[in-house]
Amino acid sequence: MLGTILAALIGGTIIGLLAKLVAPGDRDNIPLWLTIICGIGGAFLGSYAYAALFDCSDMTNCTKGIDWWRHLWQVGAAVILVMIASAVTGRRRS
């Protein structure tokens, strides 16, 4: 249980920071905790979308070893969440 929570926090942080880096425009106006939440949400949503679109039950359509395509889907979902979070709750700079 603790390992799962730790993996979600570490993975969410990495995916959230990658999403903030890839997102178009100035996305540095949301706090780090919200970036981590977007990363965790992107990991779950990206994994779900990838599994729904590509049947990996027989492992012929999936990569062996590290599933880089799934990670790209996770980062893509996190980019969308970072953009939404930035538009809704972003701090305005003057």
C-alpha atoms as a PDB file:
ATOM      1  CA  MET A   1       0.000   0.000   0.000  1.00  0.00           C
ATOM      2  CA  LEU A   2       2.736   2.457   0.960  1.00  0.00           C
ATOM      3  CA  GLY A   3       4.743   1.479  -2.124  1.00  0.00           C
ATOM      4  CA  THR A   4       1.761   2.191  -4.363  1.00  0.00           C
ATOM      5  CA  ILE A   5       1.224   5.614  -2.823  1.00  0.00           C
ATOM      6  CA  LEU A   6       4.932   6.421  -3.109  1.00  0.00           C
ATOM      7  CA  ALA A   7       5.006   5.288  -6.754  1.00  0.00           C
ATOM      8  CA  ALA A   8       1.944   7.416  -7.547  1.00  0.00           C
ATOM      9  CA  LEU A   9       3.517  10.488  -5.920  1.00  0.00           C
ATOM     10  CA  ILE A  10       6.900  10.053  -7.589  1.00  0.00           C
ATOM     11  CA  GLY A  11       5.413   9.112 -10.958  1.00  0.00           C
ATOM     12  CA  GLY A  12       2.848  11.915 -10.718  1.00  0.00           C
ATOM     13  CA  THR A  13       5.561  14.438  -9.937  1.00  0.00           C
ATOM     14  CA  ILE A  14       7.677  13.362 -12.911  1.00  0.00           C
ATOM     15  CA  ILE A  15       4.721  13.184 -15.309  1.00  0.00           C
ATOM     16  CA  GLY A  16       3.334  16.515 -14.047  1.00  0.00           C
ATOM     17  CA  LEU A  17       6.661  18.291 -14.464  1.00  0.00           C
ATOM     18  CA  LEU A  18       7.087  16.806 -17.956  1.00  0.00           C
ATOM     19  CA  ALA A  19       3.565  17.948 -18.815  1.00  0.00           C
ATOM     20  CA  LYS A  20       4.289  21.459 -17.552  1.00  0.00           C
ATOM     21  CA  LEU A  21       7.452  21.491 -19.677  1.00  0.00           C
ATOM     22  CA  VAL A  22       5.631  20.280 -22.817  1.00  0.00           C
ATOM     23  CA  ALA A  23       2.440  22.353 -22.414  1.00  0.00           C
ATOM     24  CA  PRO A  24       2.267  25.307 -24.789  1.00  0.00           C
ATOM     25  CA  GLY A  25       2.470  28.820 -23.398  1.00  0.00           C
ATOM     26  CA  ASP A  26       3.344  29.954 -19.894  1.00  0.00           C
ATOM     27  CA  ARG A  27       2.208  27.193 -17.540  1.00  0.00           C
ATOM     28  CA  ASP A  28       4.453  28.116 -14.607  1.00  0.00           C
ATOM     29  CA  ASN A  29       1.606  29.966 -12.931  1.00  0.00           C
ATOM     30  CA  ILE A  30       0.160  26.937 -11.122  1.00  0.00           C
ATOM     31  CA  PRO A  31       1.596  25.672  -7.827  1.00  0.00           C
ATOM     32  CA  LEU A  32       3.712  22.525  -7.569  1.00  0.00           C
ATOM     33  CA  TRP A  33       1.060  20.612  -5.628  1.00  0.00           C
ATOM     34  CA  LEU A  34      -1.431  21.168  -8.459  1.00  0.00           C
ATOM     35  CA  THR A  35       1.167  20.058 -10.997  1.00  0.00           C
ATOM     36  CA  ILE A  36       1.605  16.809  -9.039  1.00  0.00           C
ATOM     37  CA  ILE A  37      -2.175  16.288  -8.894  1.00  0.00           C
ATOM     38  CA  CYS A  38      -2.362  16.824 -12.666  1.00  0.00           C
ATOM     39  CA  GLY A  39       0.491  14.355 -13.132  1.00  0.00           C
ATOM     40  CA  ILE A  40      -1.218  11.685 -11.039  1.00  0.00           C
ATOM     41  CA  GLY A  41      -4.525  12.284 -12.831  1.00  0.00           C
ATOM     42  CA  GLY A  42      -2.748  12.191 -16.191  1.00  0.00           C
ATOM     43  CA  ALA A  43      -1.097   8.892 -15.284  1.00  0.00           C
ATOM     44  CA  PHE A  44      -4.454   7.320 -14.474  1.00  0.00           C
ATOM     45  CA  LEU A  45      -6.341   8.847 -17.412  1.00  0.00           C
ATOM     46  CA  GLY A  46      -3.542   8.125 -19.893  1.00  0.00           C
ATOM     47  CA  SER A  47      -3.256   4.510 -18.771  1.00  0.00           C
ATOM     48  CA  TYR A  48      -7.016   4.054 -18.967  1.00  0.00           C
ATOM     49  CA  ALA A  49      -7.253   5.589 -22.455  1.00  0.00           C
ATOM     50  CA  TYR A  50      -4.298   3.546 -23.695  1.00  0.00           C
ATOM     51  CA  ALA A  51      -5.785   0.309 -22.352  1.00  0.00           C
ATOM     52  CA  ALA A  52      -9.198   1.167 -23.818  1.00  0.00           C
ATOM     53  CA  LEU A  53      -7.853   1.911 -27.291  1.00  0.00           C
ATOM     54  CA  PHE A  54      -5.195  -0.786 -27.556  1.00  0.00           C
ATOM     55  CA  ASP A  55      -5.977  -4.348 -26.535  1.00  0.00           C
ATOM     56  CA  CYS A  56      -2.995  -5.508 -24.477  1.00  0.00           C
ATOM     57  CA  SER A  57      -4.535  -8.729 -23.215  1.00  0.00           C
ATOM     58  CA  ASP A  58      -2.507 -10.968 -25.515  1.00  0.00           C
ATOM     59  CA  MET A  59       0.574  -8.678 -25.469  1.00  0.00           C
ATOM     60  CA  THR A  60       0.898  -8.651 -29.279  1.00  0.00           C
ATOM     61  CA  ASN A  61      -0.173  -5.014 -29.521  1.00  0.00           C
ATOM     62  CA  CYS A  62       1.917  -3.834 -26.553  1.00  0.00           C
ATOM     63  CA  THR A  63       5.600  -3.206 -26.215  1.00  0.00           C
ATOM     64  CA  LYS A  64       7.807  -5.521 -24.226  1.00  0.00           C
ATOM     65  CA  GLY A  65       9.764  -4.058 -21.306  1.00  0.00           C
ATOM     66  CA  ILE A  66       9.066  -0.394 -20.598  1.00  0.00           C
ATOM     67  CA  ASP A  67       5.832   0.627 -22.304  1.00  0.00           C
ATOM     68  CA  TRP A  68       6.922   3.987 -23.718  1.00  0.00           C
ATOM     69  CA  TRP A  69       3.689   4.491 -25.654  1.00  0.00           C
ATOM     70  CA  ARG A  70       1.654   4.243 -22.461  1.00  0.00           C
ATOM     71  CA  HIS A  71       3.934   6.828 -20.834  1.00  0.00           C
ATOM     72  CA  LEU A  72       3.448   9.179 -23.786  1.00  0.00           C
ATOM     73  CA  TRP A  73      -0.306   8.842 -23.371  1.00  0.00           C
ATOM     74  CA  GLN A  74       0.075   9.614 -19.656  1.00  0.00           C
ATOM     75  CA  VAL A  75       2.104  12.753 -20.337  1.00  0.00           C
ATOM     76  CA  GLY A  76      -0.386  13.818 -23.025  1.00  0.00           C
ATOM     77  CA  ALA A  77      -3.286  13.476 -20.602  1.00  0.00           C
ATOM     78  CA  ALA A  78      -1.323  15.377 -17.953  1.00  0.00           C
ATOM     79  CA  VAL A  79      -0.589  18.181 -20.463  1.00  0.00           C
ATOM     80  CA  ILE A  80      -4.315  18.613 -20.994  1.00  0.00           C
ATOM     81  CA  LEU A  81      -4.925  18.649 -17.227  1.00  0.00           C
ATOM     82  CA  VAL A  82      -2.108  21.186 -16.664  1.00  0.00           C
ATOM     83  CA  MET A  83      -3.574  23.443 -19.351  1.00  0.00           C
ATOM     84  CA  ILE A  84      -7.034  23.212 -17.768  1.00  0.00           C
ATOM     85  CA  ALA A  85      -5.647  23.839 -14.270  1.00  0.00           C
ATOM     86  CA  SER A  86      -3.647  26.810 -15.518  1.00  0.00           C
ATOM     87  CA  ALA A  87      -6.684  28.332 -17.214  1.00  0.00           C
ATOM     88  CA  VAL A  88      -8.959  27.814 -14.206  1.00  0.00           C
ATOM     89  CA  THR A  89      -6.750  28.480 -11.189  1.00  0.00           C
ATOM     90  CA  GLY A  90      -3.588  30.073 -12.525  1.00  0.00           C
ATOM     91  CA  ARG A  91      -2.081  33.025 -10.737  1.00  0.00           C
ATOM     92  CA  ARG A  92      -1.988  36.163 -12.846  1.00  0.00           C
ATOM     93  CA  ARG A  93       1.306  38.007 -13.200  1.00  0.00           C
ATOM     94  CA  SER A  94       1.412  41.730 -13.730  1.00  0.00           C
END
